[in-house]
Amino acid sequence: MRYIFALWAAPMALFWGWFYLSLNDMNFGYVMLTRQLHDFVFQLYGQMLGIDPAIIPGMVGKACIFDGFLLMAIWAFRRRREILDWVRRRRSGPLPLDRPIPFDRLNRATEAGPRLPAE
């Protein structure tokens, strides 16, 4: 499952990294990161799809969110037994202690602490 997450996250990171850098024209001397190429790419996609190029980033963002929720649902379905056990443990209250805390240690943790001379 971690390979699926990696194969999903790597293109997302590359695309959104390119999108942010080219949108703000932080090109570092690379033509791929220029605002002119950014506008050209979205103009080209807009012409191919027959839609306004300004709405394409929002559409891609919605698709990324949907894909993320879909992957999380698959992951939760595969781990449903562990998740249900975790929920049951959380609802049952605090876990019982394996061994009791020694009285002197408990007393040190709950006492007020050393008294200062001015008190």
C-alpha atoms as a PDB file:
ATOM      1  CA  MET A   1       0.000   0.000   0.000  1.00  0.00           C
ATOM      2  CA  ARG A   2       2.896   2.341   0.671  1.00  0.00           C
ATOM      3  CA  TYR A   3       4.021   1.956  -2.944  1.00  0.00           C
ATOM      4  CA  ILE A   4       0.574   2.989  -4.124  1.00  0.00           C
ATOM      5  CA  PHE A   5       0.724   6.065  -1.880  1.00  0.00           C
ATOM      6  CA  ALA A   6       4.199   6.868  -3.205  1.00  0.00           C
ATOM      7  CA  LEU A   7       3.121   6.408  -6.811  1.00  0.00           C
ATOM      8  CA  TRP A   8       0.207   8.752  -6.132  1.00  0.00           C
ATOM      9  CA  ALA A   9       2.067  11.377  -4.088  1.00  0.00           C
ATOM     10  CA  ALA A  10       5.146  11.737  -6.305  1.00  0.00           C
ATOM     11  CA  PRO A  11       3.293  13.046  -9.399  1.00  0.00           C
ATOM     12  CA  MET A  12       1.143  15.253  -7.166  1.00  0.00           C
ATOM     13  CA  ALA A  13       4.217  16.800  -5.591  1.00  0.00           C
ATOM     14  CA  LEU A  14       5.836  17.304  -8.985  1.00  0.00           C
ATOM     15  CA  PHE A  15       2.744  18.855 -10.537  1.00  0.00           C
ATOM     16  CA  TRP A  16       1.865  21.140  -7.643  1.00  0.00           C
ATOM     17  CA  GLY A  17       5.509  22.134  -7.192  1.00  0.00           C
ATOM     18  CA  TRP A  18       5.735  23.055 -10.864  1.00  0.00           C
ATOM     19  CA  PHE A  19       2.367  24.813 -10.698  1.00  0.00           C
ATOM     20  CA  TYR A  20       3.326  26.962  -7.692  1.00  0.00           C
ATOM     21  CA  LEU A  21       6.770  27.877  -9.018  1.00  0.00           C
ATOM     22  CA  SER A  22       5.600  28.649 -12.545  1.00  0.00           C
ATOM     23  CA  LEU A  23       2.515  30.519 -11.367  1.00  0.00           C
ATOM     24  CA  ASN A  24       4.713  32.842  -9.315  1.00  0.00           C
ATOM     25  CA  ASP A  25       7.420  32.944 -12.045  1.00  0.00           C
ATOM     26  CA  MET A  26      10.132  31.554  -9.774  1.00  0.00           C
ATOM     27  CA  ASN A  27      12.036  30.021 -12.670  1.00  0.00           C
ATOM     28  CA  PHE A  28      15.663  29.876 -11.388  1.00  0.00           C
ATOM     29  CA  GLY A  29      16.749  30.141 -15.023  1.00  0.00           C
ATOM     30  CA  TYR A  30      14.717  27.139 -16.217  1.00  0.00           C
ATOM     31  CA  VAL A  31      12.284  27.633 -19.075  1.00  0.00           C
ATOM     32  CA  MET A  32       9.970  24.967 -17.583  1.00  0.00           C
ATOM     33  CA  LEU A  33       9.265  27.192 -14.587  1.00  0.00           C
ATOM     34  CA  THR A  34       8.469  30.421 -16.432  1.00  0.00           C
ATOM     35  CA  ARG A  35       5.078  32.066 -16.318  1.00  0.00           C
ATOM     36  CA  GLN A  36       4.970  32.144 -20.121  1.00  0.00           C
ATOM     37  CA  LEU A  37       5.183  28.344 -20.323  1.00  0.00           C
ATOM     38  CA  HIS A  38       2.637  28.062 -17.507  1.00  0.00           C
ATOM     39  CA  ASP A  39       0.155  30.182 -19.441  1.00  0.00           C
ATOM     40  CA  PHE A  40       0.930  28.315 -22.685  1.00  0.00           C
ATOM     41  CA  VAL A  41       0.335  24.886 -21.091  1.00  0.00           C
ATOM     42  CA  PHE A  42      -3.000  25.838 -19.595  1.00  0.00           C
ATOM     43  CA  GLN A  43      -4.031  27.651 -22.787  1.00  0.00           C
ATOM     44  CA  LEU A  44      -3.208  24.495 -24.753  1.00  0.00           C
ATOM     45  CA  TYR A  45      -5.170  22.253 -22.347  1.00  0.00           C
ATOM     46  CA  GLY A  46      -8.056  24.713 -22.421  1.00  0.00           C
ATOM     47  CA  GLN A  47      -8.191  24.587 -26.212  1.00  0.00           C
ATOM     48  CA  MET A  48      -7.977  20.794 -26.265  1.00  0.00           C
ATOM     49  CA  LEU A  49     -10.763  20.417 -23.709  1.00  0.00           C
ATOM     50  CA  GLY A  50     -12.829  23.307 -24.993  1.00  0.00           C
ATOM     51  CA  ILE A  51     -13.005  25.028 -21.593  1.00  0.00           C
ATOM     52  CA  ASP A  52     -11.678  28.184 -19.987  1.00  0.00           C
ATOM     53  CA  PRO A  53      -8.010  27.655 -18.991  1.00  0.00           C
ATOM     54  CA  ALA A  54      -8.585  29.458 -15.684  1.00  0.00           C
ATOM     55  CA  ILE A  55     -10.756  26.635 -14.301  1.00  0.00           C
ATOM     56  CA  ILE A  56      -8.311  23.816 -15.080  1.00  0.00           C
ATOM     57  CA  PRO A  57      -6.241  24.151 -11.848  1.00  0.00           C
ATOM     58  CA  GLY A  58      -9.426  23.936  -9.773  1.00  0.00           C
ATOM     59  CA  MET A  59     -10.515  20.854 -11.676  1.00  0.00           C
ATOM     60  CA  VAL A  60      -7.123  19.238 -11.107  1.00  0.00           C
ATOM     61  CA  GLY A  61      -7.293  20.148  -7.425  1.00  0.00           C
ATOM     62  CA  LYS A  62     -10.728  18.555  -7.050  1.00  0.00           C
ATOM     63  CA  ALA A  63      -9.472  15.422  -8.809  1.00  0.00           C
ATOM     64  CA  CYS A  64      -6.459  15.249  -6.455  1.00  0.00           C
ATOM     65  CA  ILE A  65      -8.707  15.564  -3.395  1.00  0.00           C
ATOM     66  CA  PHE A  66     -11.068  12.890  -4.737  1.00  0.00           C
ATOM     67  CA  ASP A  67      -8.126  10.558  -5.455  1.00  0.00           C
ATOM     68  CA  GLY A  68      -6.770  11.168  -1.967  1.00  0.00           C
ATOM     69  CA  PHE A  69     -10.105  10.302  -0.359  1.00  0.00           C
ATOM     70  CA  LEU A  70     -10.379   7.229  -2.566  1.00  0.00           C
ATOM     71  CA  LEU A  71      -6.926   6.029  -1.499  1.00  0.00           C
ATOM     72  CA  MET A  72      -7.739   6.702   2.166  1.00  0.00           C
ATOM     73  CA  ALA A  73     -10.974   4.699   1.809  1.00  0.00           C
ATOM     74  CA  ILE A  74      -9.087   1.758   0.302  1.00  0.00           C
ATOM     75  CA  TRP A  75      -6.486   1.989   3.068  1.00  0.00           C
ATOM     76  CA  ALA A  76      -9.198   2.148   5.771  1.00  0.00           C
ATOM     77  CA  PHE A  77     -11.015  -0.819   4.222  1.00  0.00           C
ATOM     78  CA  ARG A  78      -7.836  -2.877   4.290  1.00  0.00           C
ATOM     79  CA  ARG A  79      -7.151  -1.877   7.921  1.00  0.00           C
ATOM     80  CA  ARG A  80     -10.736  -2.042   9.139  1.00  0.00           C
ATOM     81  CA  ARG A  81     -10.061  -4.638  11.849  1.00  0.00           C
ATOM     82  CA  GLU A  82      -7.217  -2.631  13.380  1.00  0.00           C
ATOM     83  CA  ILE A  83      -9.271   0.568  13.197  1.00  0.00           C
ATOM     84  CA  LEU A  84     -12.262  -1.095  14.888  1.00  0.00           C
ATOM     85  CA  ASP A  85     -10.018  -2.483  17.645  1.00  0.00           C
ATOM     86  CA  TRP A  86      -8.568   0.994  18.169  1.00  0.00           C
ATOM     87  CA  VAL A  87     -12.070   2.507  18.389  1.00  0.00           C
ATOM     88  CA  ARG A  88     -13.164  -0.143  20.888  1.00  0.00           C
ATOM     89  CA  ARG A  89     -10.101   0.513  23.048  1.00  0.00           C
ATOM     90  CA  ARG A  90     -10.750   4.276  22.969  1.00  0.00           C
ATOM     91  CA  ARG A  91     -14.390   3.807  23.997  1.00  0.00           C
ATOM     92  CA  SER A  92     -13.576   1.426  26.846  1.00  0.00           C
ATOM     93  CA  GLY A  93     -11.746   4.158  28.747  1.00  0.00           C
ATOM     94  CA  PRO A  94      -8.214   4.368  30.000  1.00  0.00           C
ATOM     95  CA  LEU A  95      -6.142   1.236  29.823  1.00  0.00           C
ATOM     96  CA  PRO A  96      -5.502  -0.528  33.139  1.00  0.00           C
ATOM     97  CA  LEU A  97      -2.000  -0.126  34.473  1.00  0.00           C
ATOM     98  CA  ASP A  98       0.258  -3.135  34.165  1.00  0.00           C
ATOM     99  CA  ARG A  99       1.763  -2.455  37.563  1.00  0.00           C
ATOM    100  CA  PRO A 100       0.873  -0.036  40.324  1.00  0.00           C
ATOM    101  CA  ILE A 101       2.885   3.152  40.740  1.00  0.00           C
ATOM    102  CA  PRO A 102       4.992   3.164  43.953  1.00  0.00           C
ATOM    103  CA  PHE A 103       3.610   5.485  46.626  1.00  0.00           C
ATOM    104  CA  ASP A 104       6.772   7.587  46.990  1.00  0.00           C
ATOM    105  CA  ARG A 105       6.927   8.199  43.249  1.00  0.00           C
ATOM    106  CA  LEU A 106       3.233   9.113  43.136  1.00  0.00           C
ATOM    107  CA  ASN A 107       3.683  11.403  46.140  1.00  0.00           C
ATOM    108  CA  ARG A 108       6.613  13.194  44.479  1.00  0.00           C
ATOM    109  CA  ALA A 109       4.552  13.730  41.334  1.00  0.00           C
ATOM    110  CA  THR A 110       1.554  15.165  43.194  1.00  0.00           C
ATOM    111  CA  GLU A 111       3.188  17.246  45.940  1.00  0.00           C
ATOM    112  CA  ALA A 112       3.494  20.996  45.639  1.00  0.00           C
ATOM    113  CA  GLY A 113       7.267  20.962  45.404  1.00  0.00           C
ATOM    114  CA  PRO A 114       9.988  22.659  47.427  1.00  0.00           C
ATOM    115  CA  ARG A 115       8.983  25.695  49.475  1.00  0.00           C
ATOM    116  CA  LEU A 116      10.895  28.836  48.809  1.00  0.00           C
ATOM    117  CA  PRO A 117      12.267  30.843  51.809  1.00  0.00           C
ATOM    118  CA  ALA A 118      10.011  33.796  51.018  1.00  0.00           C
ATOM    119  CA  GLU A 119       6.849  31.724  51.436  1.00  0.00           C
END
